[in-house]
Amino acid sequence: DVHLWACPLAVGNGSRIEKQWPDEA
């Protein structure tokens, strides 16, 4: 009875979101 939604998106302030990996490339 609960609606579960999944969205493959970045949430932010409308600008591009950058993904960085810690410690190693």
mmCIF file of all heavy atoms, coordinates in Angstrom:
data_MODEL
# 
_entry.id   MODEL 
# 
loop_
_atom_site.group_PDB 
_atom_site.id 
_atom_site.type_symbol 
_atom_site.label_atom_id 
_atom_site.label_alt_id 
_atom_site.label_comp_id 
_atom_site.label_asym_id 
_atom_site.label_entity_id 
_atom_site.label_seq_id 
_atom_site.pdbx_PDB_ins_code 
_atom_site.Cartn_x 
_atom_site.Cartn_y 
_atom_site.Cartn_z 
_atom_site.occupancy 
_atom_site.B_iso_or_equiv 
_atom_site.pdbx_formal_charge 
_atom_site.auth_seq_id 
_atom_site.auth_comp_id 
_atom_site.auth_asym_id 
_atom_site.auth_atom_id 
_atom_site.pdbx_PDB_model_num 
ATOM 1   N N   . ASP A 1 1  ? 0.807  -1.219 0.000   1.00 0.00 ? 1  ASP A N   1 
ATOM 2   C CA  . ASP A 1 1  ? 0.000  0.000  0.000   1.00 0.00 ? 1  ASP A CA  1 
ATOM 3   C C   . ASP A 1 1  ? 0.845  1.278  0.000   1.00 0.00 ? 1  ASP A C   1 
ATOM 4   O O   . ASP A 1 1  ? 0.327  2.377  0.163   1.00 0.00 ? 1  ASP A O   1 
ATOM 5   C CB  . ASP A 1 1  ? -0.963 0.006  1.185   1.00 0.00 ? 1  ASP A CB  1 
ATOM 6   C CG  . ASP A 1 1  ? -0.249 -0.132 2.526   1.00 0.00 ? 1  ASP A CG  1 
ATOM 7   O OD1 . ASP A 1 1  ? 0.940  -0.508 2.541   1.00 0.00 ? 1  ASP A OD1 1 
ATOM 8   O OD2 . ASP A 1 1  ? -0.888 0.130  3.564   1.00 0.00 ? 1  ASP A OD2 1 
ATOM 9   N N   . VAL A 1 2  ? 2.166  1.131  -0.212  1.00 0.00 ? 2  VAL A N   1 
ATOM 10  C CA  . VAL A 1 2  ? 3.080  2.262  -0.287  1.00 0.00 ? 2  VAL A CA  1 
ATOM 11  C C   . VAL A 1 2  ? 3.607  2.341  -1.722  1.00 0.00 ? 2  VAL A C   1 
ATOM 12  O O   . VAL A 1 2  ? 3.951  1.326  -2.318  1.00 0.00 ? 2  VAL A O   1 
ATOM 13  C CB  . VAL A 1 2  ? 4.254  2.102  0.711   1.00 0.00 ? 2  VAL A CB  1 
ATOM 14  C CG1 . VAL A 1 2  ? 5.267  3.211  0.557   1.00 0.00 ? 2  VAL A CG1 1 
ATOM 15  C CG2 . VAL A 1 2  ? 3.726  2.040  2.139   1.00 0.00 ? 2  VAL A CG2 1 
ATOM 16  N N   . HIS A 1 3  ? 3.649  3.550  -2.276  1.00 0.00 ? 3  HIS A N   1 
ATOM 17  C CA  . HIS A 1 3  ? 4.138  3.751  -3.641  1.00 0.00 ? 3  HIS A CA  1 
ATOM 18  C C   . HIS A 1 3  ? 5.643  3.996  -3.598  1.00 0.00 ? 3  HIS A C   1 
ATOM 19  O O   . HIS A 1 3  ? 6.098  4.960  -2.973  1.00 0.00 ? 3  HIS A O   1 
ATOM 20  C CB  . HIS A 1 3  ? 3.434  4.938  -4.297  1.00 0.00 ? 3  HIS A CB  1 
ATOM 21  C CG  . HIS A 1 3  ? 1.954  4.846  -4.241  1.00 0.00 ? 3  HIS A CG  1 
ATOM 22  N ND1 . HIS A 1 3  ? 1.224  4.009  -5.065  1.00 0.00 ? 3  HIS A ND1 1 
ATOM 23  C CD2 . HIS A 1 3  ? 1.059  5.454  -3.441  1.00 0.00 ? 3  HIS A CD2 1 
ATOM 24  C CE1 . HIS A 1 3  ? -0.055 4.123  -4.781  1.00 0.00 ? 3  HIS A CE1 1 
ATOM 25  N NE2 . HIS A 1 3  ? -0.187 4.994  -3.789  1.00 0.00 ? 3  HIS A NE2 1 
ATOM 26  N N   . LEU A 1 4  ? 6.412  3.138  -4.243  1.00 0.00 ? 4  LEU A N   1 
ATOM 27  C CA  . LEU A 1 4  ? 7.870  3.219  -4.240  1.00 0.00 ? 4  LEU A CA  1 
ATOM 28  C C   . LEU A 1 4  ? 8.338  3.636  -5.628  1.00 0.00 ? 4  LEU A C   1 
ATOM 29  O O   . LEU A 1 4  ? 8.029  2.969  -6.616  1.00 0.00 ? 4  LEU A O   1 
ATOM 30  C CB  . LEU A 1 4  ? 8.469  1.861  -3.850  1.00 0.00 ? 4  LEU A CB  1 
ATOM 31  C CG  . LEU A 1 4  ? 7.990  1.304  -2.505  1.00 0.00 ? 4  LEU A CG  1 
ATOM 32  C CD1 . LEU A 1 4  ? 8.416  -0.134 -2.349  1.00 0.00 ? 4  LEU A CD1 1 
ATOM 33  C CD2 . LEU A 1 4  ? 8.510  2.160  -1.369  1.00 0.00 ? 4  LEU A CD2 1 
ATOM 34  N N   . TRP A 1 5  ? 9.066  4.734  -5.692  1.00 0.00 ? 5  TRP A N   1 
ATOM 35  C CA  . TRP A 1 5  ? 9.545  5.268  -6.963  1.00 0.00 ? 5  TRP A CA  1 
ATOM 36  C C   . TRP A 1 5  ? 11.067 5.231  -6.979  1.00 0.00 ? 5  TRP A C   1 
ATOM 37  O O   . TRP A 1 5  ? 11.710 5.563  -5.984  1.00 0.00 ? 5  TRP A O   1 
ATOM 38  C CB  . TRP A 1 5  ? 9.140  6.715  -7.145  1.00 0.00 ? 5  TRP A CB  1 
ATOM 39  C CG  . TRP A 1 5  ? 7.691  7.050  -7.064  1.00 0.00 ? 5  TRP A CG  1 
ATOM 40  C CD1 . TRP A 1 5  ? 6.690  6.355  -6.435  1.00 0.00 ? 5  TRP A CD1 1 
ATOM 41  C CD2 . TRP A 1 5  ? 7.071  8.189  -7.623  1.00 0.00 ? 5  TRP A CD2 1 
ATOM 42  N NE1 . TRP A 1 5  ? 5.504  7.007  -6.577  1.00 0.00 ? 5  TRP A NE1 1 
ATOM 43  C CE2 . TRP A 1 5  ? 5.709  8.141  -7.300  1.00 0.00 ? 5  TRP A CE2 1 
ATOM 44  C CE3 . TRP A 1 5  ? 7.540  9.275  -8.363  1.00 0.00 ? 5  TRP A CE3 1 
ATOM 45  C CZ2 . TRP A 1 5  ? 4.808  9.115  -7.692  1.00 0.00 ? 5  TRP A CZ2 1 
ATOM 46  C CZ3 . TRP A 1 5  ? 6.649  10.247 -8.749  1.00 0.00 ? 5  TRP A CZ3 1 
ATOM 47  C CH2 . TRP A 1 5  ? 5.302  10.157 -8.422  1.00 0.00 ? 5  TRP A CH2 1 
ATOM 48  N N   . ALA A 1 6  ? 11.632 4.909  -8.130  1.00 0.00 ? 6  ALA A N   1 
ATOM 49  C CA  . ALA A 1 6  ? 13.080 4.968  -8.324  1.00 0.00 ? 6  ALA A CA  1 
ATOM 50  C C   . ALA A 1 6  ? 13.358 5.842  -9.540  1.00 0.00 ? 6  ALA A C   1 
ATOM 51  O O   . ALA A 1 6  ? 12.728 5.681  -10.585 1.00 0.00 ? 6  ALA A O   1 
ATOM 52  C CB  . ALA A 1 6  ? 13.658 3.575  -8.553  1.00 0.00 ? 6  ALA A CB  1 
ATOM 53  N N   . CYS A 1 7  ? 14.281 6.770  -9.394  1.00 0.00 ? 7  CYS A N   1 
ATOM 54  C CA  . CYS A 1 7  ? 14.636 7.684  -10.469 1.00 0.00 ? 7  CYS A CA  1 
ATOM 55  C C   . CYS A 1 7  ? 16.148 7.660  -10.659 1.00 0.00 ? 7  CYS A C   1 
ATOM 56  O O   . CYS A 1 7  ? 16.881 7.960  -9.724  1.00 0.00 ? 7  CYS A O   1 
ATOM 57  C CB  . CYS A 1 7  ? 14.190 9.104  -10.143 1.00 0.00 ? 7  CYS A CB  1 
ATOM 58  S SG  . CYS A 1 7  ? 12.422 9.276  -9.870  1.00 0.00 ? 7  CYS A SG  1 
ATOM 59  N N   . PRO A 1 8  ? 16.630 7.319  -11.870 1.00 0.00 ? 8  PRO A N   1 
ATOM 60  C CA  . PRO A 1 8  ? 18.079 7.264  -12.112 1.00 0.00 ? 8  PRO A CA  1 
ATOM 61  C C   . PRO A 1 8  ? 18.652 8.638  -12.442 1.00 0.00 ? 8  PRO A C   1 
ATOM 62  O O   . PRO A 1 8  ? 19.271 8.848  -13.479 1.00 0.00 ? 8  PRO A O   1 
ATOM 63  C CB  . PRO A 1 8  ? 18.182 6.312  -13.301 1.00 0.00 ? 8  PRO A CB  1 
ATOM 64  C CG  . PRO A 1 8  ? 16.929 6.587  -14.070 1.00 0.00 ? 8  PRO A CG  1 
ATOM 65  C CD  . PRO A 1 8  ? 15.869 6.891  -13.038 1.00 0.00 ? 8  PRO A CD  1 
ATOM 66  N N   . LEU A 1 9  ? 18.421 9.588  -11.552 1.00 0.00 ? 9  LEU A N   1 
ATOM 67  C CA  . LEU A 1 9  ? 18.797 10.972 -11.808 1.00 0.00 ? 9  LEU A CA  1 
ATOM 68  C C   . LEU A 1 9  ? 19.548 11.572 -10.630 1.00 0.00 ? 9  LEU A C   1 
ATOM 69  O O   . LEU A 1 9  ? 19.352 11.164 -9.490  1.00 0.00 ? 9  LEU A O   1 
ATOM 70  C CB  . LEU A 1 9  ? 17.537 11.825 -12.032 1.00 0.00 ? 9  LEU A CB  1 
ATOM 71  C CG  . LEU A 1 9  ? 16.603 11.413 -13.158 1.00 0.00 ? 9  LEU A CG  1 
ATOM 72  C CD1 . LEU A 1 9  ? 15.286 12.152 -13.033 1.00 0.00 ? 9  LEU A CD1 1 
ATOM 73  C CD2 . LEU A 1 9  ? 17.257 11.661 -14.499 1.00 0.00 ? 9  LEU A CD2 1 
ATOM 74  N N   . ALA A 1 10 ? 20.350 12.587 -10.940 1.00 0.00 ? 10 ALA A N   1 
ATOM 75  C CA  . ALA A 1 10 ? 20.991 13.375 -9.893  1.00 0.00 ? 10 ALA A CA  1 
ATOM 76  C C   . ALA A 1 10 ? 20.026 14.472 -9.471  1.00 0.00 ? 10 ALA A C   1 
ATOM 77  O O   . ALA A 1 10 ? 19.380 15.101 -10.296 1.00 0.00 ? 10 ALA A O   1 
ATOM 78  C CB  . ALA A 1 10 ? 22.282 13.990 -10.411 1.00 0.00 ? 10 ALA A CB  1 
ATOM 79  N N   . VAL A 1 11 ? 19.926 14.683 -8.175  1.00 0.00 ? 11 VAL A N   1 
ATOM 80  C CA  . VAL A 1 11 ? 19.120 15.764 -7.631  1.00 0.00 ? 11 VAL A CA  1 
ATOM 81  C C   . VAL A 1 11 ? 20.084 16.830 -7.141  1.00 0.00 ? 11 VAL A C   1 
ATOM 82  O O   . VAL A 1 11 ? 21.101 16.531 -6.526  1.00 0.00 ? 11 VAL A O   1 
ATOM 83  C CB  . VAL A 1 11 ? 18.230 15.256 -6.478  1.00 0.00 ? 11 VAL A CB  1 
ATOM 84  C CG1 . VAL A 1 11 ? 17.452 16.395 -5.864  1.00 0.00 ? 11 VAL A CG1 1 
ATOM 85  C CG2 . VAL A 1 11 ? 17.284 14.190 -6.976  1.00 0.00 ? 11 VAL A CG2 1 
ATOM 86  N N   . GLY A 1 12 ? 19.749 18.082 -7.440  1.00 0.00 ? 12 GLY A N   1 
ATOM 87  C CA  . GLY A 1 12 ? 20.621 19.174 -7.023  1.00 0.00 ? 12 GLY A CA  1 
ATOM 88  C C   . GLY A 1 12 ? 19.905 20.495 -7.154  1.00 0.00 ? 12 GLY A C   1 
ATOM 89  O O   . GLY A 1 12 ? 18.710 20.600 -6.896  1.00 0.00 ? 12 GLY A O   1 
ATOM 90  N N   . ASN A 1 13 ? 20.639 21.512 -7.612  1.00 0.00 ? 13 ASN A N   1 
ATOM 91  C CA  . ASN A 1 13 ? 20.073 22.857 -7.753  1.00 0.00 ? 13 ASN A CA  1 
ATOM 92  C C   . ASN A 1 13 ? 19.812 23.226 -9.206  1.00 0.00 ? 13 ASN A C   1 
ATOM 93  O O   . ASN A 1 13 ? 19.619 24.381 -9.528  1.00 0.00 ? 13 ASN A O   1 
ATOM 94  C CB  . ASN A 1 13 ? 20.986 23.885 -7.083  1.00 0.00 ? 13 ASN A CB  1 
ATOM 95  C CG  . ASN A 1 13 ? 22.382 23.875 -7.670  1.00 0.00 ? 13 ASN A CG  1 
ATOM 96  O OD1 . ASN A 1 13 ? 22.640 23.237 -8.688  1.00 0.00 ? 13 ASN A OD1 1 
ATOM 97  N ND2 . ASN A 1 13 ? 23.295 24.571 -7.016  1.00 0.00 ? 13 ASN A ND2 1 
ATOM 98  N N   . GLY A 1 14 ? 19.820 22.238 -10.089 1.00 0.00 ? 14 GLY A N   1 
ATOM 99  C CA  . GLY A 1 14 ? 19.575 22.471 -11.507 1.00 0.00 ? 14 GLY A CA  1 
ATOM 100 C C   . GLY A 1 14 ? 20.837 22.529 -12.339 1.00 0.00 ? 14 GLY A C   1 
ATOM 101 O O   . GLY A 1 14 ? 20.789 22.470 -13.555 1.00 0.00 ? 14 GLY A O   1 
ATOM 102 N N   . SER A 1 15 ? 21.987 22.627 -11.702 1.00 0.00 ? 15 SER A N   1 
ATOM 103 C CA  . SER A 1 15 ? 23.243 22.651 -12.448 1.00 0.00 ? 15 SER A CA  1 
ATOM 104 C C   . SER A 1 15 ? 23.786 21.231 -12.585 1.00 0.00 ? 15 SER A C   1 
ATOM 105 O O   . SER A 1 15 ? 23.265 20.283 -12.008 1.00 0.00 ? 15 SER A O   1 
ATOM 106 C CB  . SER A 1 15 ? 24.261 23.560 -11.751 1.00 0.00 ? 15 SER A CB  1 
ATOM 107 O OG  . SER A 1 15 ? 24.609 23.038 -10.499 1.00 0.00 ? 15 SER A OG  1 
ATOM 108 N N   . ARG A 1 16 ? 24.816 21.106 -13.373 1.00 0.00 ? 16 ARG A N   1 
ATOM 109 C CA  . ARG A 1 16 ? 25.429 19.798 -13.609 1.00 0.00 ? 16 ARG A CA  1 
ATOM 110 C C   . ARG A 1 16 ? 26.028 19.268 -12.302 1.00 0.00 ? 16 ARG A C   1 
ATOM 111 O O   . ARG A 1 16 ? 26.605 20.009 -11.512 1.00 0.00 ? 16 ARG A O   1 
ATOM 112 C CB  . ARG A 1 16 ? 26.517 19.916 -14.663 1.00 0.00 ? 16 ARG A CB  1 
ATOM 113 C CG  . ARG A 1 16 ? 27.003 18.562 -15.135 1.00 0.00 ? 16 ARG A CG  1 
ATOM 114 C CD  . ARG A 1 16 ? 27.917 18.618 -16.351 1.00 0.00 ? 16 ARG A CD  1 
ATOM 115 N NE  . ARG A 1 16 ? 27.745 19.801 -17.156 1.00 0.00 ? 16 ARG A NE  1 
ATOM 116 C CZ  . ARG A 1 16 ? 28.746 20.624 -17.481 1.00 0.00 ? 16 ARG A CZ  1 
ATOM 117 N NH1 . ARG A 1 16 ? 29.964 20.385 -17.082 1.00 0.00 ? 16 ARG A NH1 1 
ATOM 118 N NH2 . ARG A 1 16 ? 28.528 21.686 -18.219 1.00 0.00 ? 16 ARG A NH2 1 
ATOM 119 N N   . ILE A 1 17 ? 25.867 17.981 -12.071 1.00 0.00 ? 17 ILE A N   1 
ATOM 120 C CA  . ILE A 1 17 ? 26.448 17.320 -10.904 1.00 0.00 ? 17 ILE A CA  1 
ATOM 121 C C   . ILE A 1 17 ? 27.645 16.500 -11.378 1.00 0.00 ? 17 ILE A C   1 
ATOM 122 O O   . ILE A 1 17 ? 27.550 15.732 -12.328 1.00 0.00 ? 17 ILE A O   1 
ATOM 123 C CB  . ILE A 1 17 ? 25.416 16.403 -10.203 1.00 0.00 ? 17 ILE A CB  1 
ATOM 124 C CG1 . ILE A 1 17 ? 24.229 17.219 -9.684  1.00 0.00 ? 17 ILE A CG1 1 
ATOM 125 C CG2 . ILE A 1 17 ? 26.060 15.597 -9.087  1.00 0.00 ? 17 ILE A CG2 1 
ATOM 126 C CD1 . ILE A 1 17 ? 24.546 18.187 -8.567  1.00 0.00 ? 17 ILE A CD1 1 
ATOM 127 N N   . GLU A 1 18 ? 28.742 16.682 -10.704 1.00 0.00 ? 18 GLU A N   1 
ATOM 128 C CA  . GLU A 1 18 ? 29.972 15.979 -11.047 1.00 0.00 ? 18 GLU A CA  1 
ATOM 129 C C   . GLU A 1 18 ? 30.187 14.820 -10.078 1.00 0.00 ? 18 GLU A C   1 
ATOM 130 O O   . GLU A 1 18 ? 29.991 14.962 -8.880  1.00 0.00 ? 18 GLU A O   1 
ATOM 131 C CB  . GLU A 1 18 ? 31.128 16.978 -10.934 1.00 0.00 ? 18 GLU A CB  1 
ATOM 132 C CG  . GLU A 1 18 ? 32.475 16.426 -11.288 1.00 0.00 ? 18 GLU A CG  1 
ATOM 133 C CD  . GLU A 1 18 ? 33.519 17.526 -11.213 1.00 0.00 ? 18 GLU A CD  1 
ATOM 134 O OE1 . GLU A 1 18 ? 34.000 17.800 -10.086 1.00 0.00 ? 18 GLU A OE1 1 
ATOM 135 O OE2 . GLU A 1 18 ? 33.833 18.116 -12.250 1.00 0.00 ? 18 GLU A OE2 1 
ATOM 136 N N   . LYS A 1 19 ? 30.589 13.682 -10.621 1.00 0.00 ? 19 LYS A N   1 
ATOM 137 C CA  . LYS A 1 19 ? 30.883 12.512 -9.793  1.00 0.00 ? 19 LYS A CA  1 
ATOM 138 C C   . LYS A 1 19 ? 32.398 12.345 -9.735  1.00 0.00 ? 19 LYS A C   1 
ATOM 139 O O   . LYS A 1 19 ? 33.068 12.369 -10.762 1.00 0.00 ? 19 LYS A O   1 
ATOM 140 C CB  . LYS A 1 19 ? 30.237 11.267 -10.407 1.00 0.00 ? 19 LYS A CB  1 
ATOM 141 C CG  . LYS A 1 19 ? 30.524 9.995  -9.658  1.00 0.00 ? 19 LYS A CG  1 
ATOM 142 C CD  . LYS A 1 19 ? 29.695 8.797  -10.088 1.00 0.00 ? 19 LYS A CD  1 
ATOM 143 C CE  . LYS A 1 19 ? 29.636 8.527  -11.534 1.00 0.00 ? 19 LYS A CE  1 
ATOM 144 N NZ  . LYS A 1 19 ? 28.955 7.283  -11.888 1.00 0.00 ? 19 LYS A NZ  1 
ATOM 145 N N   . GLN A 1 20 ? 32.930 12.198 -8.512  1.00 0.00 ? 20 GLN A N   1 
ATOM 146 C CA  . GLN A 1 20 ? 34.361 11.997 -8.322  1.00 0.00 ? 20 GLN A CA  1 
ATOM 147 C C   . GLN A 1 20 ? 34.579 10.780 -7.435  1.00 0.00 ? 20 GLN A C   1 
ATOM 148 O O   . GLN A 1 20 ? 33.840 10.569 -6.477  1.00 0.00 ? 20 GLN A O   1 
ATOM 149 C CB  . GLN A 1 20 ? 34.993 13.217 -7.660  1.00 0.00 ? 20 GLN A CB  1 
ATOM 150 C CG  . GLN A 1 20 ? 34.880 14.471 -8.473  1.00 0.00 ? 20 GLN A CG  1 
ATOM 151 C CD  . GLN A 1 20 ? 35.361 15.676 -7.682  1.00 0.00 ? 20 GLN A CD  1 
ATOM 152 O OE1 . GLN A 1 20 ? 35.269 15.719 -6.465  1.00 0.00 ? 20 GLN A OE1 1 
ATOM 153 N NE2 . GLN A 1 20 ? 35.868 16.666 -8.391  1.00 0.00 ? 20 GLN A NE2 1 
ATOM 154 N N   . TRP A 1 21 ? 35.618 10.036 -7.757  1.00 0.00 ? 21 TRP A N   1 
ATOM 155 C CA  . TRP A 1 21 ? 35.946 8.860  -6.951  1.00 0.00 ? 21 TRP A CA  1 
ATOM 156 C C   . TRP A 1 21 ? 37.023 9.218  -5.949  1.00 0.00 ? 21 TRP A C   1 
ATOM 157 O O   . TRP A 1 21 ? 38.014 9.855  -6.299  1.00 0.00 ? 21 TRP A O   1 
ATOM 158 C CB  . TRP A 1 21 ? 36.418 7.714  -7.835  1.00 0.00 ? 21 TRP A CB  1 
ATOM 159 C CG  . TRP A 1 21 ? 35.322 7.240  -8.701  1.00 0.00 ? 21 TRP A CG  1 
ATOM 160 C CD1 . TRP A 1 21 ? 35.073 7.601  -9.990  1.00 0.00 ? 21 TRP A CD1 1 
ATOM 161 C CD2 . TRP A 1 21 ? 34.280 6.346  -8.325  1.00 0.00 ? 21 TRP A CD2 1 
ATOM 162 N NE1 . TRP A 1 21 ? 33.932 6.991  -10.434 1.00 0.00 ? 21 TRP A NE1 1 
ATOM 163 C CE2 . TRP A 1 21 ? 33.431 6.216  -9.442  1.00 0.00 ? 21 TRP A CE2 1 
ATOM 164 C CE3 . TRP A 1 21 ? 33.978 5.665  -7.158  1.00 0.00 ? 21 TRP A CE3 1 
ATOM 165 C CZ2 . TRP A 1 21 ? 32.301 5.409  -9.422  1.00 0.00 ? 21 TRP A CZ2 1 
ATOM 166 C CZ3 . TRP A 1 21 ? 32.858 4.861  -7.135  1.00 0.00 ? 21 TRP A CZ3 1 
ATOM 167 C CH2 . TRP A 1 21 ? 32.036 4.738  -8.260  1.00 0.00 ? 21 TRP A CH2 1 
ATOM 168 N N   . PRO A 1 22 ? 36.840 8.830  -4.698  1.00 0.00 ? 22 PRO A N   1 
ATOM 169 C CA  . PRO A 1 22 ? 37.865 9.133  -3.691  1.00 0.00 ? 22 PRO A CA  1 
ATOM 170 C C   . PRO A 1 22 ? 39.115 8.282  -3.895  1.00 0.00 ? 22 PRO A C   1 
ATOM 171 O O   . PRO A 1 22 ? 39.030 7.135  -4.312  1.00 0.00 ? 22 PRO A O   1 
ATOM 172 C CB  . PRO A 1 22 ? 37.180 8.791  -2.368  1.00 0.00 ? 22 PRO A CB  1 
ATOM 173 C CG  . PRO A 1 22 ? 36.112 7.817  -2.733  1.00 0.00 ? 22 PRO A CG  1 
ATOM 174 C CD  . PRO A 1 22 ? 35.703 8.127  -4.145  1.00 0.00 ? 22 PRO A CD  1 
ATOM 175 N N   . ASP A 1 23 ? 40.244 8.896  -3.656  1.00 0.00 ? 23 ASP A N   1 
ATOM 176 C CA  . ASP A 1 23 ? 41.541 8.216  -3.567  1.00 0.00 ? 23 ASP A CA  1 
ATOM 177 C C   . ASP A 1 23 ? 42.111 7.676  -4.868  1.00 0.00 ? 23 ASP A C   1 
ATOM 178 O O   . ASP A 1 23 ? 43.288 7.694  -5.067  1.00 0.00 ? 23 ASP A O   1 
ATOM 179 C CB  . ASP A 1 23 ? 41.512 7.077  -2.536  1.00 0.00 ? 23 ASP A CB  1 
ATOM 180 C CG  . ASP A 1 23 ? 41.105 7.559  -1.165  1.00 0.00 ? 23 ASP A CG  1 
ATOM 181 O OD1 . ASP A 1 23 ? 41.501 8.682  -0.805  1.00 0.00 ? 23 ASP A OD1 1 
ATOM 182 O OD2 . ASP A 1 23 ? 40.382 6.841  -0.477  1.00 0.00 ? 23 ASP A OD2 1 
ATOM 183 N N   . GLU A 1 24 ? 41.291 7.127  -5.755  1.00 0.00 ? 24 GLU A N   1 
ATOM 184 C CA  . GLU A 1 24 ? 41.835 6.504  -6.964  1.00 0.00 ? 24 GLU A CA  1 
ATOM 185 C C   . GLU A 1 24 ? 40.987 6.863  -8.165  1.00 0.00 ? 24 GLU A C   1 
ATOM 186 O O   . GLU A 1 24 ? 39.812 7.159  -8.046  1.00 0.00 ? 24 GLU A O   1 
ATOM 187 C CB  . GLU A 1 24 ? 41.870 4.985  -6.801  1.00 0.00 ? 24 GLU A CB  1 
ATOM 188 C CG  . GLU A 1 24 ? 42.785 4.527  -5.676  1.00 0.00 ? 24 GLU A CG  1 
ATOM 189 C CD  . GLU A 1 24 ? 42.869 3.018  -5.592  1.00 0.00 ? 24 GLU A CD  1 
ATOM 190 O OE1 . GLU A 1 24 ? 42.769 2.364  -6.629  1.00 0.00 ? 24 GLU A OE1 1 
ATOM 191 O OE2 . GLU A 1 24 ? 43.046 2.519  -4.480  1.00 0.00 ? 24 GLU A OE2 1 
ATOM 192 N N   . ALA A 1 25 ? 41.588 6.796  -9.341  1.00 0.00 ? 25 ALA A N   1 
ATOM 193 C CA  . ALA A 1 25 ? 40.865 7.134  -10.570 1.00 0.00 ? 25 ALA A CA  1 
ATOM 194 C C   . ALA A 1 25 ? 39.882 6.035  -10.969 1.00 0.00 ? 25 ALA A C   1 
ATOM 195 O O   . ALA A 1 25 ? 38.880 6.297  -11.608 1.00 0.00 ? 25 ALA A O   1 
ATOM 196 C CB  . ALA A 1 25 ? 41.853 7.379  -11.705 1.00 0.00 ? 25 ALA A CB  1 
# 
